[in-house]
Protein backbone atom coordinates (compact mmCIF):
# COMPACT_ATOMS: atom_id res chain seq x y z
CA MET A 1 8.09 4.49 37.27
CA ASN A 2 10.37 7.49 37.66
CA GLU A 3 8.73 10.91 37.50
CA TRP A 4 11.05 12.06 34.73
CA TRP A 5 9.15 9.84 32.21
CA THR A 6 6.40 12.19 31.05
CA SER A 7 3.84 11.03 28.50
CA ARG A 8 5.48 13.19 25.81
CA GLN A 9 8.88 11.71 26.57
CA LYS A 10 7.45 8.20 26.42
CA ALA A 11 6.04 8.95 22.98
CA ARG A 12 9.32 10.41 21.77
CA LEU A 13 11.11 7.28 22.95
CA ALA A 14 9.12 5.17 20.50
CA MET A 15 12.05 4.98 18.12
CA ILE A 16 14.49 3.81 20.75
CA ALA A 17 13.32 0.23 20.73
CA LEU A 18 15.46 -1.15 18.00
CA LEU A 19 18.17 1.41 18.43
CA ALA A 20 18.53 1.10 22.13
CA LEU A 21 21.92 -0.54 22.03
CA ALA A 22 22.30 -4.01 20.72
CA ALA A 23 25.62 -4.20 22.48
CA CYS A 24 25.64 -7.95 22.03
CA GLY A 25 26.42 -7.27 18.36
CA ASP A 26 29.15 -4.67 18.89
CA ASP A 27 32.03 -6.74 17.64
CA GLU A 28 30.28 -8.93 15.12
CA THR A 29 30.16 -8.32 11.42
CA GLY A 30 26.57 -8.59 10.31
CA SER A 31 25.28 -9.93 7.06
CA GLY A 32 23.35 -6.93 5.78
CA GLY A 33 26.03 -4.41 4.84
CA GLN A 34 25.46 -3.40 1.21
CA GLY A 35 27.36 -0.92 -0.86
CA GLY A 36 29.15 0.66 2.08
CA GLU A 37 27.74 2.89 4.75
CA GLY A 38 24.38 4.42 4.07
CA GLY A 39 23.94 2.72 0.72
CA GLY A 40 21.94 -0.08 -0.73
CA GLY A 41 18.54 -1.55 -0.03
CA GLY A 42 15.25 0.17 0.53
CA SER A 43 13.64 2.78 -1.59
CA GLY A 44 15.72 5.48 -3.14
CA GLY A 45 18.58 3.13 -3.92
CA GLN A 46 22.23 3.57 -3.15
CA ASP A 47 22.70 7.10 -4.50
CA ALA A 48 19.95 8.66 -2.38
CA PHE A 49 22.06 8.16 0.75
CA ALA A 50 25.57 8.33 -0.73
CA ASN A 51 26.59 11.11 1.66
CA CYS A 52 25.23 9.42 4.79
CA HIS A 53 27.74 7.73 7.06
CA LYS A 54 27.58 6.47 10.62
CA GLY A 55 30.81 8.31 11.46
CA ASP A 56 29.60 11.71 10.21
CA LEU A 57 26.93 13.64 12.05
CA GLU A 58 24.16 14.59 9.65
CA THR A 59 23.78 18.30 8.89
CA ASP A 60 20.08 18.11 9.77
CA LEU A 61 20.51 15.91 12.86
CA ALA A 62 17.80 16.97 15.29
CA ASP A 63 17.40 15.80 18.88
CA ASP A 64 13.99 14.33 19.48
CA MET A 65 14.25 15.28 23.13
CA PRO A 66 16.87 16.57 25.53
CA MET A 67 18.97 13.99 27.34
CA MET A 68 16.75 12.77 30.15
CA GLY A 69 16.84 10.26 32.95
CA PRO A 70 17.44 9.91 36.66
CA GLY A 71 21.08 10.99 36.25
CA ILE A 72 20.24 14.32 34.62
CA ASP A 73 20.20 17.44 36.77
CA PRO A 74 16.70 18.88 36.28
CA ASP A 75 17.96 22.46 36.63
CA THR A 76 20.89 22.31 34.22
CA GLY A 77 19.94 19.40 31.96
CA GLU A 78 23.49 18.10 32.40
CA LEU A 79 24.62 14.56 33.14
CA ALA A 80 25.96 14.29 36.67
CA PRO A 81 29.74 13.80 36.95
CA GLY A 82 30.79 10.18 37.25
CA THR A 83 32.03 7.12 35.40
CA TYR A 84 29.43 5.42 33.23
CA TYR A 85 28.92 2.86 30.51
CA VAL A 86 27.78 4.65 27.35
CA ALA A 87 26.20 3.01 24.30
CA THR A 88 25.17 4.47 20.97
CA THR A 89 23.38 3.11 17.95
CA TYR A 90 23.07 4.29 14.36
CA LEU A 91 20.23 2.93 12.23
CA ALA A 92 20.10 3.62 8.49
CA LEU A 93 16.38 3.02 8.15
CA ASN A 94 14.76 1.50 5.11
CA PRO A 95 12.19 4.29 4.53
CA GLU A 96 9.50 1.74 3.73
CA LYS A 97 9.86 0.31 7.25
CA ARG A 98 9.28 3.47 9.30
CA GLU A 99 5.86 2.30 10.47
CA ARG A 100 7.21 -1.11 11.45
CA LEU A 101 9.96 0.52 13.52
CA GLY A 102 7.26 2.21 15.55
CA GLU A 103 5.41 -1.08 16.00
CA VAL A 104 8.37 -2.99 17.43
CA SER A 105 9.24 -0.14 19.77
CA GLY A 106 6.55 -0.47 22.43
CA PRO A 107 7.77 -3.45 24.44
CA VAL A 108 11.35 -2.22 24.37
CA ILE A 109 10.34 1.23 25.61
CA GLU A 110 8.48 -0.36 28.50
CA SER A 111 11.52 -2.47 29.33
CA LEU A 112 13.88 0.51 29.11
CA GLN A 113 11.70 2.64 31.38
CA THR A 114 11.98 0.10 34.17
CA SER A 115 15.60 -0.95 33.62
CA ALA A 116 17.80 -0.85 36.68
CA GLY A 117 20.95 1.17 36.20
CA LEU A 118 19.71 3.43 33.38
CA ILE A 119 21.18 6.90 33.92
CA ALA A 120 20.11 8.78 30.80
CA VAL A 121 18.86 8.46 27.24
CA ILE A 122 18.65 10.67 24.15
CA THR A 123 17.57 10.07 20.55
CA SER A 124 18.13 12.04 17.35
CA GLN A 125 17.15 11.65 13.73
CA SER A 126 17.96 12.93 10.27
CA GLU A 127 15.29 13.25 7.61
CA SER A 128 17.81 13.66 4.79
CA CYS A 129 19.62 10.43 5.68
CA GLN A 130 16.59 8.59 7.07
CA SER A 131 18.79 7.72 10.03
CA PHE A 132 18.19 7.41 13.73
CA ARG A 133 20.74 7.67 16.52
CA THR A 134 20.35 6.77 20.18
CA MET A 135 22.57 7.10 23.18
CA THR A 136 22.02 5.47 26.55
CA VAL A 137 24.09 5.93 29.68
CA TRP A 138 24.24 3.19 32.31
CA GLN A 139 25.69 2.71 35.78
CA SER A 140 27.53 -0.37 34.54
CA GLU A 141 28.03 -2.72 31.62
CA GLU A 142 26.15 -5.35 33.58
CA ASP A 143 23.07 -3.12 33.83
CA MET A 144 23.21 -2.46 30.09
CA MET A 145 23.59 -6.15 29.26
CA THR A 146 20.63 -7.08 31.46
CA PHE A 147 18.51 -4.78 29.32
CA VAL A 148 20.07 -5.95 26.03
CA THR A 149 19.52 -9.63 26.76
CA GLY A 150 15.94 -9.12 27.93
CA ALA A 151 13.10 -10.67 25.93
CA ALA A 152 11.72 -7.39 24.56
CA HIS A 153 15.03 -6.13 23.25
CA ALA A 154 15.99 -9.51 21.78
CA ALA A 155 12.69 -9.68 19.88
CA ALA A 156 13.24 -6.20 18.42
CA MET A 157 16.82 -7.00 17.45
CA ALA A 158 15.60 -9.97 15.45
CA GLU A 159 14.03 -7.44 13.05
CA THR A 160 17.07 -5.19 12.59
CA SER A 161 18.13 -6.55 9.21
CA GLU A 162 14.62 -6.02 7.86
CA LEU A 163 14.36 -2.47 9.18
CA SER A 164 17.84 -1.39 8.11
CA ARG A 165 18.89 -0.52 4.58
CA GLY A 166 22.33 -1.94 5.23
CA THR A 167 24.21 0.09 7.84
CA SER A 168 23.14 -0.20 11.42
CA ASN A 169 25.68 -0.31 14.21
CA THR A 170 26.00 -0.19 17.95
CA ILE A 171 29.08 0.43 20.02
CA SER A 172 29.60 0.96 23.73
CA TRP A 173 32.39 2.20 25.96
CA GLU A 174 33.29 3.12 29.51
CA GLY A 175 33.38 6.88 29.84
CA ASP A 176 32.10 9.87 31.72
CA ALA A 177 29.87 12.89 31.13
CA SER A 178 32.41 14.35 28.69
CA THR A 179 32.17 11.32 26.37
CA ALA A 180 28.38 11.05 26.36
CA ASN A 181 27.77 13.25 23.30
CA TRP A 182 26.97 12.84 19.59
CA GLU A 183 30.43 13.87 18.40
CA GLU A 184 32.12 11.18 20.49
CA ALA A 185 29.51 8.65 19.42
CA ALA A 186 29.99 9.37 15.71
CA THR A 187 33.78 9.17 16.03
CA ARG A 188 33.56 5.79 17.73
CA LEU A 189 31.01 4.46 15.24
CA GLY A 190 33.14 5.64 12.33
CA ALA A 191 36.15 3.77 13.68
CA GLU A 192 34.18 0.51 14.04
CA PRO A 193 34.94 -1.64 10.97
CA GLY A 194 32.25 -4.29 11.46
CA GLY A 195 28.83 -4.59 12.96
CA ASP A 196 26.67 -3.72 9.97
CA LEU A 197 23.30 -5.43 10.24
């Protein structure tokens, strides 16, 4: 276990389980999209989240932790220069399923913490939109896919349609430190026409 995984950071990673990049579904149109982005399903109905969209950063988006991982300079908190494979996920959570999200997270967190090729991870959330965002940075697409296709992640992904209120997406790309940020992630998610779960 790398020393950068403190107990607080492990706890804050609890939400990453489902969100932690279902890259296998990047280019597939899911069956759960309802009423457009951020609408439909769950409590509060469509209107409660009418202004919430995967391609727009929420005004109350708050990082749950700084970007952390073996590729982060401990002095500057910056991602080391290099070429990486970056993945991001947006989950429009059904508010009634918040507790369940926490329950499915454990095994995925454990898997992520020991995944070869993981460079960095960060999560953020919005209370107003009941949305969660994650970003993971990998040495290669192969490293990312090894994690994605692992048993723990696959089991969590099987619950995505139940946890989501209709808009949950993942997208990944080859990039560098300059493209591993929330603005780039939102732009790429907003341009993705399919993938709702």
